[in-house]
PDB file of N, CA and C in Angstrom:
ATOM      1  N   UNK A   1      60.288 104.140  62.800  1.00  0.00           N
ATOM      2  CA  UNK A   1      60.763 102.800  62.504  1.00  0.00           C
ATOM      3  C   UNK A   1      59.981 101.799  63.346  1.00  0.00           C
ATOM      4  N   UNK A   2      59.613 100.703  62.749  1.00  0.00           N
ATOM      5  CA  UNK A   2      58.837  99.656  63.418  1.00  0.00           C
ATOM      6  C   UNK A   2      59.764  98.784  64.268  1.00  0.00           C
ATOM      7  N   UNK A   3      59.533  98.751  65.565  1.00  0.00           N
ATOM      8  CA  UNK A   3      60.372  97.953  66.457  1.00  0.00           C
ATOM      9  C   UNK A   3      60.216  96.458  66.202  1.00  0.00           C
ATOM     10  N   UNK A   4      59.076  96.021  65.679  1.00  0.00           N
ATOM     11  CA  UNK A   4      58.872  94.602  65.402  1.00  0.00           C
ATOM     12  C   UNK A   4      59.786  94.096  64.291  1.00  0.00           C
ATOM     13  N   UNK A   5      60.343  94.993  63.513  1.00  0.00           N
ATOM     14  CA  UNK A   5      61.245  94.588  62.442  1.00  0.00           C
ATOM     15  C   UNK A   5      62.521  93.962  62.997  1.00  0.00           C
ATOM     16  N   UNK A   6      62.807  94.214  64.266  1.00  0.00           N
ATOM     17  CA  UNK A   6      64.025  93.704  64.876  1.00  0.00           C
ATOM     18  C   UNK A   6      63.785  92.485  65.764  1.00  0.00           C
ATOM     19  N   UNK A   7      62.593  91.906  65.696  1.00  0.00           N
ATOM     20  CA  UNK A   7      62.320  90.731  66.512  1.00  0.00           C
ATOM     21  C   UNK A   7      63.192  89.571  66.071  1.00  0.00           C
ATOM     22  N   UNK A   8      63.693  88.854  67.044  1.00  0.00           N
ATOM     23  CA  UNK A   8      64.550  87.713  66.779  1.00  0.00           C
ATOM     24  C   UNK A   8      63.691  86.505  66.424  1.00  0.00           C
ATOM     25  N   UNK A   9      64.141  85.747  65.468  1.00  0.00           N
ATOM     26  CA  UNK A   9      63.433  84.533  65.071  1.00  0.00           C
ATOM     27  C   UNK A   9      63.781  83.430  66.069  1.00  0.00           C
ATOM     28  N   UNK A  10      62.745  82.786  66.614  1.00  0.00           N
ATOM     29  CA  UNK A  10      62.957  81.713  67.571  1.00  0.00           C
ATOM     30  C   UNK A  10      63.159  80.386  66.848  1.00  0.00           C
ATOM     31  N   UNK A  11      64.049  79.572  67.385  1.00  0.00           N
ATOM     32  CA  UNK A  11      64.288  78.238  66.856  1.00  0.00           C
ATOM     33  C   UNK A  11      63.222  77.316  67.424  1.00  0.00           C
ATOM     34  N   UNK A  12      62.536  76.591  66.559  1.00  0.00           N
ATOM     35  CA  UNK A  12      61.533  75.644  67.033  1.00  0.00           C
ATOM     36  C   UNK A  12      62.229  74.366  67.476  1.00  0.00           C
ATOM     37  N   UNK A  13      61.838  73.874  68.656  1.00  0.00           N
ATOM     38  CA  UNK A  13      62.476  72.695  69.231  1.00  0.00           C
ATOM     39  C   UNK A  13      61.409  71.860  69.936  1.00  0.00           C
ATOM     40  N   UNK A  14      61.538  70.553  69.870  1.00  0.00           N
ATOM     41  CA  UNK A  14      60.566  69.679  70.524  1.00  0.00           C
ATOM     42  C   UNK A  14      60.797  69.684  72.036  1.00  0.00           C
ATOM     43  N   UNK A  15      59.784  69.280  72.773  1.00  0.00           N
ATOM     44  CA  UNK A  15      59.915  69.204  74.236  1.00  0.00           C
ATOM     45  C   UNK A  15      61.040  68.265  74.638  1.00  0.00           C
ATOM     46  N   UNK A  16      61.133  67.127  73.943  1.00  0.00           N
ATOM     47  CA  UNK A  16      62.177  66.147  74.248  1.00  0.00           C
ATOM     48  C   UNK A  16      63.573  66.716  74.012  1.00  0.00           C
ATOM     49  N   UNK A  17      63.744  67.422  72.901  1.00  0.00           N
ATOM     50  CA  UNK A  17      65.047  68.022  72.611  1.00  0.00           C
ATOM     51  C   UNK A  17      65.382  69.128  73.606  1.00  0.00           C
ATOM     52  N   UNK A  18      64.370  69.882  74.031  1.00  0.00           N
ATOM     53  CA  UNK A  18      64.598  70.938  75.022  1.00  0.00           C
ATOM     54  C   UNK A  18      65.029  70.331  76.355  1.00  0.00           C
ATOM     55  N   UNK A  19      64.392  69.222  76.733  1.00  0.00           N
ATOM     56  CA  UNK A  19      64.773  68.531  77.966  1.00  0.00           C
ATOM     57  C   UNK A  19      66.199  67.997  77.853  1.00  0.00           C
ATOM     58  N   UNK A  20      66.564  67.505  76.673  1.00  0.00           N
ATOM     59  CA  UNK A  20      67.924  67.035  76.451  1.00  0.00           C
ATOM     60  C   UNK A  20      68.917  68.186  76.604  1.00  0.00           C
ATOM     61  N   UNK A  21      68.586  69.355  76.053  1.00  0.00           N
ATOM     62  CA  UNK A  21      69.445  70.534  76.221  1.00  0.00           C
ATOM     63  C   UNK A  21      69.627  70.881  77.696  1.00  0.00           C
ATOM     64  N   UNK A  22      68.538  70.769  78.460  1.00  0.00           N
ATOM     65  CA  UNK A  22      68.602  71.073  79.883  1.00  0.00           C
ATOM     66  C   UNK A  22      69.518  70.081  80.601  1.00  0.00           C
ATOM     67  N   UNK A  23      69.376  68.799  80.279  1.00  0.00           N
ATOM     68  CA  UNK A  23      70.234  67.782  80.897  1.00  0.00           C
ATOM     69  C   UNK A  23      71.705  68.023  80.556  1.00  0.00           C
ATOM     70  N   UNK A  24      71.977  68.397  79.324  1.00  0.00           N
ATOM     71  CA  UNK A  24      73.355  68.695  78.911  1.00  0.00           C
ATOM     72  C   UNK A  24      73.880  69.937  79.639  1.00  0.00           C
ATOM     73  N   UNK A  25      73.020  70.930  79.812  1.00  0.00           N
ATOM     74  CA  UNK A  25      73.389  72.141  80.542  1.00  0.00           C
ATOM     75  C   UNK A  25      73.809  71.789  81.975  1.00  0.00           C
ATOM     76  N   UNK A  26      73.027  70.913  82.615  1.00  0.00           N
ATOM     77  CA  UNK A  26      73.352  70.502  83.977  1.00  0.00           C
ATOM     78  C   UNK A  26      74.702  69.800  84.034  1.00  0.00           C
ATOM     79  N   UNK A  27      74.949  68.886  83.111  1.00  0.00           N
ATOM     80  CA  UNK A  27      76.207  68.136  83.084  1.00  0.00           C
ATOM     81  C   UNK A  27      77.399  69.033  82.800  1.00  0.00           C
ATOM     82  N   UNK A  28      77.274  69.889  81.783  1.00  0.00           N
ATOM     83  CA  UNK A  28      78.392  70.740  81.375  1.00  0.00           C
ATOM     84  C   UNK A  28      78.764  71.757  82.439  1.00  0.00           C
ATOM     85  N   UNK A  29      77.775  72.230  83.197  1.00  0.00           N
ATOM     86  CA  UNK A  29      78.033  73.247  84.211  1.00  0.00           C
ATOM     87  C   UNK A  29      78.136  72.669  85.618  1.00  0.00           C
ATOM     88  N   UNK A  30      77.978  71.350  85.710  1.00  0.00           N
ATOM     89  CA  UNK A  30      78.085  70.643  86.987  1.00  0.00           C
ATOM     90  C   UNK A  30      77.228  71.295  88.074  1.00  0.00           C
ATOM     91  N   UNK A  31      75.956  71.504  87.739  1.00  0.00           N
ATOM     92  CA  UNK A  31      75.018  72.089  88.688  1.00  0.00           C
ATOM     93  C   UNK A  31      73.913  71.075  88.992  1.00  0.00           C
ATOM     94  N   UNK A  32      73.351  71.116  90.194  1.00  0.00           N
ATOM     95  CA  UNK A  32      72.276  70.186  90.542  1.00  0.00           C
ATOM     96  C   UNK A  32      70.963  70.583  89.877  1.00  0.00           C
ATOM     97  N   UNK A  33      70.071  69.622  89.770  1.00  0.00           N
ATOM     98  CA  UNK A  33      68.762  69.865  89.176  1.00  0.00           C
ATOM     99  C   UNK A  33      67.835  70.454  90.238  1.00  0.00           C
ATOM    100  N   UNK A  34      67.900  71.769  90.383  1.00  0.00           N
ATOM    101  CA  UNK A  34      67.067  72.488  91.341  1.00  0.00           C
ATOM    102  C   UNK A  34      66.030  73.320  90.596  1.00  0.00           C
ATOM    103  N   UNK A  35      64.945  73.622  91.272  1.00  0.00           N
ATOM    104  CA  UNK A  35      63.889  74.428  90.661  1.00  0.00           C
ATOM    105  C   UNK A  35      64.421  75.780  90.208  1.00  0.00           C
ATOM    106  N   UNK A  36      65.270  76.404  91.014  1.00  0.00           N
ATOM    107  CA  UNK A  36      65.812  77.717  90.665  1.00  0.00           C
ATOM    108  C   UNK A  36      66.716  77.648  89.436  1.00  0.00           C
ATOM    109  N   UNK A  37      67.441  76.538  89.276  1.00  0.00           N
ATOM    110  CA  UNK A  37      68.292  76.358  88.104  1.00  0.00           C
ATOM    111  C   UNK A  37      67.423  76.222  86.856  1.00  0.00           C
ATOM    112  N   UNK A  38      66.346  75.450  86.974  1.00  0.00           N
ATOM    113  CA  UNK A  38      65.440  75.255  85.831  1.00  0.00           C
ATOM    114  C   UNK A  38      64.776  76.567  85.426  1.00  0.00           C
ATOM    115  N   UNK A  39      64.356  77.346  86.402  1.00  0.00           N
ATOM    116  CA  UNK A  39      63.739  78.641  86.098  1.00  0.00           C
ATOM    117  C   UNK A  39      64.734  79.538  85.368  1.00  0.00           C
ATOM    118  N   UNK A  40      65.965  79.568  85.837  1.00  0.00           N
ATOM    119  CA  UNK A  40      67.001  80.364  85.179  1.00  0.00           C
ATOM    120  C   UNK A  40      67.276  79.891  83.765  1.00  0.00           C
ATOM    121  N   UNK A  41      67.336  78.575  83.579  1.00  0.00           N
ATOM    122  CA  UNK A  41      67.557  78.004  82.253  1.00  0.00           C
ATOM    123  C   UNK A  41      66.425  78.388  81.305  1.00  0.00           C
ATOM    124  N   UNK A  42      65.193  78.256  81.782  1.00  0.00           N
ATOM    125  CA  UNK A  42      64.038  78.598  80.952  1.00  0.00           C
ATOM    126  C   UNK A  42      64.020  80.075  80.589  1.00  0.00           C
ATOM    127  N   UNK A  43      64.341  80.936  81.531  1.00  0.00           N
ATOM    128  CA  UNK A  43      64.369  82.380  81.246  1.00  0.00           C
ATOM    129  C   UNK A  43      65.481  82.724  80.271  1.00  0.00           C
ATOM    130  N   UNK A  44      66.623  82.080  80.432  1.00  0.00           N
ATOM    131  CA  UNK A  44      67.768  82.334  79.563  1.00  0.00           C
ATOM    132  C   UNK A  44      67.436  81.943  78.119  1.00  0.00           C
ATOM    133  N   UNK A  45      66.649  80.895  77.954  1.00  0.00           N
ATOM    134  CA  UNK A  45      66.350  80.385  76.615  1.00  0.00           C
ATOM    135  C   UNK A  45      65.014  80.848  76.059  1.00  0.00           C
ATOM    136  N   UNK A  46      64.272  81.635  76.796  1.00  0.00           N
ATOM    137  CA  UNK A  46      62.950  82.072  76.329  1.00  0.00           C
ATOM    138  C   UNK A  46      63.032  82.944  75.072  1.00  0.00           C
ATOM    139  N   UNK A  47      64.170  83.564  74.842  1.00  0.00           N
ATOM    140  CA  UNK A  47      64.335  84.399  73.653  1.00  0.00           C
ATOM    141  C   UNK A  47      65.054  83.659  72.524  1.00  0.00           C
ATOM    142  N   UNK A  48      65.371  82.370  72.757  1.00  0.00           N
ATOM    143  CA  UNK A  48      66.090  81.588  71.756  1.00  0.00           C
ATOM    144  C   UNK A  48      65.241  80.489  71.131  1.00  0.00           C
ATOM    145  N   UNK A  49      64.408  79.846  71.964  1.00  0.00           N
ATOM    146  CA  UNK A  49      63.674  78.655  71.515  1.00  0.00           C
ATOM    147  C   UNK A  49      62.174  78.797  71.665  1.00  0.00           C
ATOM    148  N   UNK A  50      61.458  78.170  70.737  1.00  0.00           N
ATOM    149  CA  UNK A  50      60.018  78.025  70.825  1.00  0.00           C
ATOM    150  C   UNK A  50      59.751  76.528  70.895  1.00  0.00           C
ATOM    151  N   UNK A  51      59.187  76.078  72.025  1.00  0.00           N
ATOM    152  CA  UNK A  51      58.948  74.659  72.228  1.00  0.00           C
ATOM    153  C   UNK A  51      57.656  74.268  71.514  1.00  0.00           C
ATOM    154  N   UNK A  52      57.778  73.241  70.685  1.00  0.00           N
ATOM    155  CA  UNK A  52      56.604  72.740  69.952  1.00  0.00           C
ATOM    156  C   UNK A  52      56.288  71.329  70.437  1.00  0.00           C
ATOM    157  N   UNK A  53      55.052  70.911  70.214  1.00  0.00           N
ATOM    158  CA  UNK A  53      54.626  69.561  70.639  1.00  0.00           C
ATOM    159  C   UNK A  53      55.126  68.496  69.706  1.00  0.00           C
TER     160      UNK A  53
END
């Protein structure tokens, strides 16, 4: 069986919309804008979103 058959389709999102999602994430979770938080956010969403220009 081909493992690529199970690849998840990424949602395409603009840089501006991705930044908006990040700002909303910070507000909803009441966390400060730290480098470690941003890295975690990016890793968490790397399998969900594809950022386009």
